[in-house]
Amino acid sequence: MIIFGLRSYFHDQPLGGFMALYWRDSLEIALALIDLYPEVDPKKIHFTELRQWVLDLEDFADDPNHCGERVLEAIQLAWMEEQDD
């Protein structure tokens, strides 16, 4: 295991209280974005902006090139569902 800062980039294990986020973690990513951007309506966000916000998350550890429209759509839908609750 290689450790950069407090995150493990090779295991999904929490390390120092942090959990690395990957593109497949749409709900966890959506929750992190809700905390950072509570005033944003996810229906109005552009995918290019959403992608950059995900990449900027402190705990995000995935390959930026593994993201496509379907992945961003899943994050956006999770965000909308959480806001509706």
PDB file of N, CA and C in Angstrom:
ATOM      1  N   MET A   1       0.848  -1.175   0.000  1.00  0.00           N
ATOM      2  CA  MET A   1       0.000   0.000   0.000  1.00  0.00           C
ATOM      3  C   MET A   1       0.892   1.237   0.000  1.00  0.00           C
ATOM      4  N   ILE A   2       0.607   2.154  -0.877  1.00  0.00           N
ATOM      5  CA  ILE A   2       1.314   3.430  -0.911  1.00  0.00           C
ATOM      6  C   ILE A   2       0.389   4.485  -0.335  1.00  0.00           C
ATOM      7  N   ILE A   3       0.925   5.308   0.521  1.00  0.00           N
ATOM      8  CA  ILE A   3       0.105   6.317   1.187  1.00  0.00           C
ATOM      9  C   ILE A   3       0.590   7.700   0.789  1.00  0.00           C
ATOM     10  N   PHE A   4      -0.337   8.529   0.337  1.00  0.00           N
ATOM     11  CA  PHE A   4      -0.071   9.931   0.022  1.00  0.00           C
ATOM     12  C   PHE A   4      -0.923  10.748   0.987  1.00  0.00           C
ATOM     13  N   GLY A   5      -0.330  11.505   1.849  1.00  0.00           N
ATOM     14  CA  GLY A   5      -1.107  12.249   2.833  1.00  0.00           C
ATOM     15  C   GLY A   5      -1.767  11.264   3.775  1.00  0.00           C
ATOM     16  N   LEU A   6      -3.081  11.367   3.918  1.00  0.00           N
ATOM     17  CA  LEU A   6      -3.814  10.473   4.803  1.00  0.00           C
ATOM     18  C   LEU A   6      -4.666   9.475   4.025  1.00  0.00           C
ATOM     19  N   ARG A   7      -4.494   9.388   2.721  1.00  0.00           N
ATOM     20  CA  ARG A   7      -5.357   8.536   1.921  1.00  0.00           C
ATOM     21  C   ARG A   7      -4.610   7.339   1.366  1.00  0.00           C
ATOM     22  N   SER A   8      -5.301   6.253   1.269  1.00  0.00           N
ATOM     23  CA  SER A   8      -4.777   5.059   0.629  1.00  0.00           C
ATOM     24  C   SER A   8      -5.315   5.018  -0.792  1.00  0.00           C
ATOM     25  N   TYR A   9      -4.435   4.931  -1.764  1.00  0.00           N
ATOM     26  CA  TYR A   9      -4.872   4.920  -3.154  1.00  0.00           C
ATOM     27  C   TYR A   9      -4.982   3.513  -3.715  1.00  0.00           C
ATOM     28  N   PHE A  10      -4.708   2.492  -2.912  1.00  0.00           N
ATOM     29  CA  PHE A  10      -4.775   1.139  -3.411  1.00  0.00           C
ATOM     30  C   PHE A  10      -5.782   0.284  -2.658  1.00  0.00           C
ATOM     31  N   HIS A  11      -6.386   0.805  -1.648  1.00  0.00           N
ATOM     32  CA  HIS A  11      -7.373   0.062  -0.873  1.00  0.00           C
ATOM     33  C   HIS A  11      -8.549   0.974  -0.566  1.00  0.00           C
ATOM     34  N   ASP A  12      -9.724   0.362  -0.459  1.00  0.00           N
ATOM     35  CA  ASP A  12     -10.913   1.115  -0.083  1.00  0.00           C
ATOM     36  C   ASP A  12     -11.046   1.187   1.433  1.00  0.00           C
ATOM     37  N   GLN A  13      -9.962   0.978   2.129  1.00  0.00           N
ATOM     38  CA  GLN A  13      -9.980   1.001   3.580  1.00  0.00           C
ATOM     39  C   GLN A  13      -9.883   2.441   4.077  1.00  0.00           C
ATOM     40  N   PRO A  14     -10.641   2.770   5.111  1.00  0.00           N
ATOM     41  CA  PRO A  14     -10.475   4.098   5.696  1.00  0.00           C
ATOM     42  C   PRO A  14      -9.075   4.223   6.287  1.00  0.00           C
ATOM     43  N   LEU A  15      -8.483   5.363   6.143  1.00  0.00           N
ATOM     44  CA  LEU A  15      -7.132   5.580   6.644  1.00  0.00           C
ATOM     45  C   LEU A  15      -7.108   6.944   7.317  1.00  0.00           C
ATOM     46  N   GLY A  16      -6.889   6.980   8.583  1.00  0.00           N
ATOM     47  CA  GLY A  16      -6.869   8.249   9.294  1.00  0.00           C
ATOM     48  C   GLY A  16      -8.234   8.919   9.295  1.00  0.00           C
ATOM     49  N   GLY A  17      -9.306   8.123   9.192  1.00  0.00           N
ATOM     50  CA  GLY A  17     -10.651   8.678   9.202  1.00  0.00           C
ATOM     51  C   GLY A  17     -11.158   9.080   7.831  1.00  0.00           C
ATOM     52  N   PHE A  18     -10.358   8.917   6.781  1.00  0.00           N
ATOM     53  CA  PHE A  18     -10.763   9.308   5.437  1.00  0.00           C
ATOM     54  C   PHE A  18     -11.030   8.065   4.597  1.00  0.00           C
ATOM     55  N   MET A  19     -11.962   8.179   3.681  1.00  0.00           N
ATOM     56  CA  MET A  19     -12.259   7.105   2.746  1.00  0.00           C
ATOM     57  C   MET A  19     -12.031   7.650   1.345  1.00  0.00           C
ATOM     58  N   ALA A  20     -11.221   6.966   0.577  1.00  0.00           N
ATOM     59  CA  ALA A  20     -10.979   7.392  -0.797  1.00  0.00           C
ATOM     60  C   ALA A  20     -12.265   7.239  -1.602  1.00  0.00           C
ATOM     61  N   LEU A  21     -12.536   8.206  -2.474  1.00  0.00           N
ATOM     62  CA  LEU A  21     -13.716   8.184  -3.334  1.00  0.00           C
ATOM     63  C   LEU A  21     -13.306   7.833  -4.756  1.00  0.00           C
ATOM     64  N   TYR A  22     -14.154   7.030  -5.390  1.00  0.00           N
ATOM     65  CA  TYR A  22     -13.939   6.615  -6.766  1.00  0.00           C
ATOM     66  C   TYR A  22     -15.190   6.928  -7.570  1.00  0.00           C
ATOM     67  N   TRP A  23     -15.063   6.938  -8.892  1.00  0.00           N
ATOM     68  CA  TRP A  23     -16.200   7.286  -9.747  1.00  0.00           C
ATOM     69  C   TRP A  23     -17.424   6.442  -9.435  1.00  0.00           C
ATOM     70  N   ARG A  24     -17.236   5.203  -9.024  1.00  0.00           N
ATOM     71  CA  ARG A  24     -18.371   4.312  -8.742  1.00  0.00           C
ATOM     72  C   ARG A  24     -19.147   4.718  -7.487  1.00  0.00           C
ATOM     73  N   ASP A  25     -18.581   5.603  -6.680  1.00  0.00           N
ATOM     74  CA  ASP A  25     -19.192   6.022  -5.409  1.00  0.00           C
ATOM     75  C   ASP A  25     -20.109   7.225  -5.603  1.00  0.00           C
ATOM     76  N   SER A  26     -21.099   7.073  -6.469  1.00  0.00           N
ATOM     77  CA  SER A  26     -21.925   8.229  -6.840  1.00  0.00           C
ATOM     78  C   SER A  26     -22.654   8.848  -5.644  1.00  0.00           C
ATOM     79  N   LEU A  27     -23.199   8.040  -4.756  1.00  0.00           N
ATOM     80  CA  LEU A  27     -23.909   8.594  -3.600  1.00  0.00           C
ATOM     81  C   LEU A  27     -22.960   9.345  -2.671  1.00  0.00           C
ATOM     82  N   GLU A  28     -21.817   8.756  -2.361  1.00  0.00           N
ATOM     83  CA  GLU A  28     -20.863   9.407  -1.464  1.00  0.00           C
ATOM     84  C   GLU A  28     -20.328  10.704  -2.079  1.00  0.00           C
ATOM     85  N   ILE A  29     -20.098  10.680  -3.384  1.00  0.00           N
ATOM     86  CA  ILE A  29     -19.657  11.897  -4.078  1.00  0.00           C
ATOM     87  C   ILE A  29     -20.746  12.950  -4.021  1.00  0.00           C
ATOM     88  N   ALA A  30     -21.992  12.541  -4.270  1.00  0.00           N
ATOM     89  CA  ALA A  30     -23.114  13.486  -4.215  1.00  0.00           C
ATOM     90  C   ALA A  30     -23.225  14.114  -2.824  1.00  0.00           C
ATOM     91  N   LEU A  31     -23.085  13.314  -1.788  1.00  0.00           N
ATOM     92  CA  LEU A  31     -23.168  13.848  -0.422  1.00  0.00           C
ATOM     93  C   LEU A  31     -22.048  14.841  -0.139  1.00  0.00           C
ATOM     94  N   ALA A  32     -20.855  14.551  -0.625  1.00  0.00           N
ATOM     95  CA  ALA A  32     -19.733  15.480  -0.444  1.00  0.00           C
ATOM     96  C   ALA A  32     -19.997  16.786  -1.182  1.00  0.00           C
ATOM     97  N   LEU A  33     -20.562  16.703  -2.374  1.00  0.00           N
ATOM     98  CA  LEU A  33     -20.857  17.917  -3.152  1.00  0.00           C
ATOM     99  C   LEU A  33     -21.977  18.726  -2.514  1.00  0.00           C
ATOM    100  N   ILE A  34     -22.961  18.052  -1.941  1.00  0.00           N
ATOM    101  CA  ILE A  34     -24.035  18.761  -1.233  1.00  0.00           C
ATOM    102  C   ILE A  34     -23.461  19.565  -0.079  1.00  0.00           C
ATOM    103  N   ASP A  35     -22.503  18.982   0.641  1.00  0.00           N
ATOM    104  CA  ASP A  35     -21.864  19.697   1.751  1.00  0.00           C
ATOM    105  C   ASP A  35     -21.092  20.918   1.265  1.00  0.00           C
ATOM    106  N   LEU A  36     -20.418  20.774   0.117  1.00  0.00           N
ATOM    107  CA  LEU A  36     -19.597  21.873  -0.398  1.00  0.00           C
ATOM    108  C   LEU A  36     -20.397  22.931  -1.149  1.00  0.00           C
ATOM    109  N   TYR A  37     -21.475  22.521  -1.801  1.00  0.00           N
ATOM    110  CA  TYR A  37     -22.253  23.423  -2.652  1.00  0.00           C
ATOM    111  C   TYR A  37     -23.737  23.316  -2.331  1.00  0.00           C
ATOM    112  N   PRO A  38     -24.145  23.667  -1.112  1.00  0.00           N
ATOM    113  CA  PRO A  38     -25.544  23.487  -0.710  1.00  0.00           C
ATOM    114  C   PRO A  38     -26.529  24.353  -1.499  1.00  0.00           C
ATOM    115  N   GLU A  39     -26.062  25.432  -2.069  1.00  0.00           N
ATOM    116  CA  GLU A  39     -26.950  26.344  -2.788  1.00  0.00           C
ATOM    117  C   GLU A  39     -27.123  25.982  -4.259  1.00  0.00           C
ATOM    118  N   VAL A  40     -26.394  24.996  -4.737  1.00  0.00           N
ATOM    119  CA  VAL A  40     -26.418  24.630  -6.154  1.00  0.00           C
ATOM    120  C   VAL A  40     -27.577  23.692  -6.451  1.00  0.00           C
ATOM    121  N   ASP A  41     -28.277  23.983  -7.537  1.00  0.00           N
ATOM    122  CA  ASP A  41     -29.325  23.098  -8.038  1.00  0.00           C
ATOM    123  C   ASP A  41     -28.655  22.108  -8.991  1.00  0.00           C
ATOM    124  N   PRO A  42     -28.604  20.822  -8.645  1.00  0.00           N
ATOM    125  CA  PRO A  42     -27.891  19.858  -9.488  1.00  0.00           C
ATOM    126  C   PRO A  42     -28.504  19.701 -10.879  1.00  0.00           C
ATOM    127  N   LYS A  43     -29.751  20.112 -11.059  1.00  0.00           N
ATOM    128  CA  LYS A  43     -30.386  20.034 -12.378  1.00  0.00           C
ATOM    129  C   LYS A  43     -29.809  21.063 -13.345  1.00  0.00           C
ATOM    130  N   LYS A  44     -29.166  22.080 -12.812  1.00  0.00           N
ATOM    131  CA  LYS A  44     -28.665  23.175 -13.642  1.00  0.00           C
ATOM    132  C   LYS A  44     -27.155  23.154 -13.844  1.00  0.00           C
ATOM    133  N   ILE A  45     -26.503  22.149 -13.305  1.00  0.00           N
ATOM    134  CA  ILE A  45     -25.048  22.098 -13.406  1.00  0.00           C
ATOM    135  C   ILE A  45     -24.626  21.433 -14.724  1.00  0.00           C
ATOM    136  N   HIS A  46     -23.585  21.960 -15.330  1.00  0.00           N
ATOM    137  CA  HIS A  46     -23.018  21.373 -16.546  1.00  0.00           C
ATOM    138  C   HIS A  46     -22.099  20.220 -16.151  1.00  0.00           C
ATOM    139  N   PHE A  47     -22.065  19.191 -16.971  1.00  0.00           N
ATOM    140  CA  PHE A  47     -21.231  18.030 -16.658  1.00  0.00           C
ATOM    141  C   PHE A  47     -19.751  18.395 -16.577  1.00  0.00           C
ATOM    142  N   THR A  48     -19.308  19.360 -17.347  1.00  0.00           N
ATOM    143  CA  THR A  48     -17.898  19.758 -17.268  1.00  0.00           C
ATOM    144  C   THR A  48     -17.586  20.344 -15.897  1.00  0.00           C
ATOM    145  N   GLU A  49     -18.501  21.127 -15.365  1.00  0.00           N
ATOM    146  CA  GLU A  49     -18.322  21.710 -14.034  1.00  0.00           C
ATOM    147  C   GLU A  49     -18.424  20.633 -12.958  1.00  0.00           C
ATOM    148  N   LEU A  50     -19.397  19.734 -13.097  1.00  0.00           N
ATOM    149  CA  LEU A  50     -19.556  18.649 -12.135  1.00  0.00           C
ATOM    150  C   LEU A  50     -18.302  17.778 -12.093  1.00  0.00           C
ATOM    151  N   ARG A  51     -17.765  17.445 -13.245  1.00  0.00           N
ATOM    152  CA  ARG A  51     -16.550  16.630 -13.314  1.00  0.00           C
ATOM    153  C   ARG A  51     -15.402  17.310 -12.567  1.00  0.00           C
ATOM    154  N   GLN A  52     -15.234  18.609 -12.785  1.00  0.00           N
ATOM    155  CA  GLN A  52     -14.146  19.325 -12.115  1.00  0.00           C
ATOM    156  C   GLN A  52     -14.349  19.365 -10.608  1.00  0.00           C
ATOM    157  N   TRP A  53     -15.586  19.557 -10.165  1.00  0.00           N
ATOM    158  CA  TRP A  53     -15.854  19.569  -8.734  1.00  0.00           C
ATOM    159  C   TRP A  53     -15.525  18.225  -8.102  1.00  0.00           C
ATOM    160  N   VAL A  54     -15.841  17.134  -8.797  1.00  0.00           N
ATOM    161  CA  VAL A  54     -15.508  15.802  -8.282  1.00  0.00           C
ATOM    162  C   VAL A  54     -13.995  15.639  -8.203  1.00  0.00           C
ATOM    163  N   LEU A  55     -13.309  16.029  -9.258  1.00  0.00           N
ATOM    164  CA  LEU A  55     -11.851  15.913  -9.262  1.00  0.00           C
ATOM    165  C   LEU A  55     -11.211  16.749  -8.157  1.00  0.00           C
ATOM    166  N   ASP A  56     -11.848  17.842  -7.778  1.00  0.00           N
ATOM    167  CA  ASP A  56     -11.320  18.727  -6.738  1.00  0.00           C
ATOM    168  C   ASP A  56     -11.610  18.244  -5.319  1.00  0.00           C
ATOM    169  N   LEU A  57     -12.454  17.222  -5.170  1.00  0.00           N
ATOM    170  CA  LEU A  57     -12.747  16.718  -3.825  1.00  0.00           C
ATOM    171  C   LEU A  57     -11.470  16.186  -3.188  1.00  0.00           C
ATOM    172  N   GLU A  58     -11.253  16.535  -1.959  1.00  0.00           N
ATOM    173  CA  GLU A  58     -10.027  16.156  -1.254  1.00  0.00           C
ATOM    174  C   GLU A  58      -9.810  14.646  -1.222  1.00  0.00           C
ATOM    175  N   ASP A  59     -10.887  13.880  -1.071  1.00  0.00           N
ATOM    176  CA  ASP A  59     -10.767  12.436  -0.930  1.00  0.00           C
ATOM    177  C   ASP A  59     -10.915  11.679  -2.249  1.00  0.00           C
ATOM    178  N   PHE A  60     -11.016  12.391  -3.356  1.00  0.00           N
ATOM    179  CA  PHE A  60     -11.182  11.717  -4.638  1.00  0.00           C
ATOM    180  C   PHE A  60      -9.849  11.121  -5.083  1.00  0.00           C
ATOM    181  N   ALA A  61      -9.872   9.819  -5.426  1.00  0.00           N
ATOM    182  CA  ALA A  61      -8.614   9.122  -5.697  1.00  0.00           C
ATOM    183  C   ALA A  61      -8.622   8.331  -7.002  1.00  0.00           C
ATOM    184  N   ASP A  62      -9.613   8.544  -7.843  1.00  0.00           N
ATOM    185  CA  ASP A  62      -9.714   7.747  -9.058  1.00  0.00           C
ATOM    186  C   ASP A  62      -9.042   8.437 -10.244  1.00  0.00           C
ATOM    187  N   ASP A  63      -8.910   7.690 -11.313  1.00  0.00           N
ATOM    188  CA  ASP A  63      -8.317   8.188 -12.545  1.00  0.00           C
ATOM    189  C   ASP A  63      -9.307   9.140 -13.232  1.00  0.00           C
ATOM    190  N   PRO A  64      -8.924  10.374 -13.500  1.00  0.00           N
ATOM    191  CA  PRO A  64      -9.826  11.320 -14.163  1.00  0.00           C
ATOM    192  C   PRO A  64     -10.334  10.822 -15.513  1.00  0.00           C
ATOM    193  N   ASN A  65      -9.574   9.965 -16.166  1.00  0.00           N
ATOM    194  CA  ASN A  65      -9.959   9.475 -17.487  1.00  0.00           C
ATOM    195  C   ASN A  65     -11.008   8.365 -17.444  1.00  0.00           C
ATOM    196  N   HIS A  66     -11.344   7.881 -16.270  1.00  0.00           N
ATOM    197  CA  HIS A  66     -12.353   6.828 -16.136  1.00  0.00           C
ATOM    198  C   HIS A  66     -13.749   7.391 -15.954  1.00  0.00           C
ATOM    199  N   CYS A  67     -13.939   8.614 -16.309  1.00  0.00           N
ATOM    200  CA  CYS A  67     -15.232   9.273 -16.143  1.00  0.00           C
ATOM    201  C   CYS A  67     -15.877   9.485 -17.504  1.00  0.00           C
ATOM    202  N   GLY A  68     -17.160   9.187 -17.561  1.00  0.00           N
ATOM    203  CA  GLY A  68     -17.933   9.435 -18.768  1.00  0.00           C
ATOM    204  C   GLY A  68     -19.268  10.063 -18.411  1.00  0.00           C
ATOM    205  N   GLU A  69     -20.075  10.280 -19.413  1.00  0.00           N
ATOM    206  CA  GLU A  69     -21.367  10.924 -19.200  1.00  0.00           C
ATOM    207  C   GLU A  69     -22.270  10.111 -18.272  1.00  0.00           C
ATOM    208  N   ARG A  70     -22.239   8.785 -18.388  1.00  0.00           N
ATOM    209  CA  ARG A  70     -23.086   7.944 -17.532  1.00  0.00           C
ATOM    210  C   ARG A  70     -22.686   8.060 -16.065  1.00  0.00           C
ATOM    211  N   VAL A  71     -21.405   8.171 -15.798  1.00  0.00           N
ATOM    212  CA  VAL A  71     -20.913   8.310 -14.425  1.00  0.00           C
ATOM    213  C   VAL A  71     -21.382   9.638 -13.844  1.00  0.00           C
ATOM    214  N   LEU A  72     -21.223  10.704 -14.611  1.00  0.00           N
ATOM    215  CA  LEU A  72     -21.647  12.033 -14.149  1.00  0.00           C
ATOM    216  C   LEU A  72     -23.158  12.091 -13.968  1.00  0.00           C
ATOM    217  N   GLU A  73     -23.882  11.424 -14.839  1.00  0.00           N
ATOM    218  CA  GLU A  73     -25.336  11.368 -14.721  1.00  0.00           C
ATOM    219  C   GLU A  73     -25.746  10.665 -13.428  1.00  0.00           C
ATOM    220  N   ALA A  74     -25.053   9.590 -13.074  1.00  0.00           N
ATOM    221  CA  ALA A  74     -25.344   8.871 -11.830  1.00  0.00           C
ATOM    222  C   ALA A  74     -25.087   9.758 -10.611  1.00  0.00           C
ATOM    223  N   ILE A  75     -24.014  10.528 -10.644  1.00  0.00           N
ATOM    224  CA  ILE A  75     -23.712  11.449  -9.542  1.00  0.00           C
ATOM    225  C   ILE A  75     -24.787  12.526  -9.462  1.00  0.00           C
ATOM    226  N   GLN A  76     -25.155  13.088 -10.604  1.00  0.00           N
ATOM    227  CA  GLN A  76     -26.184  14.126 -10.642  1.00  0.00           C
ATOM    228  C   GLN A  76     -27.522  13.596 -10.116  1.00  0.00           C
ATOM    229  N   LEU A  77     -27.917  12.393 -10.528  1.00  0.00           N
ATOM    230  CA  LEU A  77     -29.174  11.804 -10.059  1.00  0.00           C
ATOM    231  C   LEU A  77     -29.143  11.542  -8.555  1.00  0.00           C
ATOM    232  N   ALA A  78     -28.018  11.048  -8.047  1.00  0.00           N
ATOM    233  CA  ALA A  78     -27.889  10.828  -6.604  1.00  0.00           C
ATOM    234  C   ALA A  78     -28.014  12.140  -5.852  1.00  0.00           C
ATOM    235  N   TRP A  79     -27.412  13.195  -6.385  1.00  0.00           N
ATOM    236  CA  TRP A  79     -27.486  14.531  -5.776  1.00  0.00           C
ATOM    237  C   TRP A  79     -28.934  15.011  -5.744  1.00  0.00           C
ATOM    238  N   MET A  80     -29.642  14.866  -6.853  1.00  0.00           N
ATOM    239  CA  MET A  80     -31.047  15.302  -6.913  1.00  0.00           C
ATOM    240  C   MET A  80     -31.920  14.515  -5.938  1.00  0.00           C
ATOM    241  N   GLU A  81     -31.687  13.205  -5.851  1.00  0.00           N
ATOM    242  CA  GLU A  81     -32.465  12.378  -4.923  1.00  0.00           C
ATOM    243  C   GLU A  81     -32.213  12.776  -3.473  1.00  0.00           C
ATOM    244  N   GLU A  82     -30.980  13.067  -3.134  1.00  0.00           N
ATOM    245  CA  GLU A  82     -30.661  13.464  -1.763  1.00  0.00           C
ATOM    246  C   GLU A  82     -31.262  14.827  -1.418  1.00  0.00           C
ATOM    247  N   GLN A  83     -31.304  15.730  -2.380  1.00  0.00           N
ATOM    248  CA  GLN A  83     -31.905  17.033  -2.128  1.00  0.00           C
ATOM    249  C   GLN A  83     -33.421  16.942  -1.954  1.00  0.00           C
ATOM    250  N   ASP A  84     -34.022  15.964  -2.610  1.00  0.00           N
ATOM    251  CA  ASP A  84     -35.476  15.788  -2.505  1.00  0.00           C
ATOM    252  C   ASP A  84     -35.902  15.205  -1.164  1.00  0.00           C
ATOM    253  N   ASP A  85     -34.970  14.541  -0.480  1.00  0.00           N
ATOM    254  CA  ASP A  85     -35.301  13.908   0.816  1.00  0.00           C
ATOM    255  C   ASP A  85     -35.467  14.909   1.922  1.00  0.00           C
TER     256      ASP A  85
END
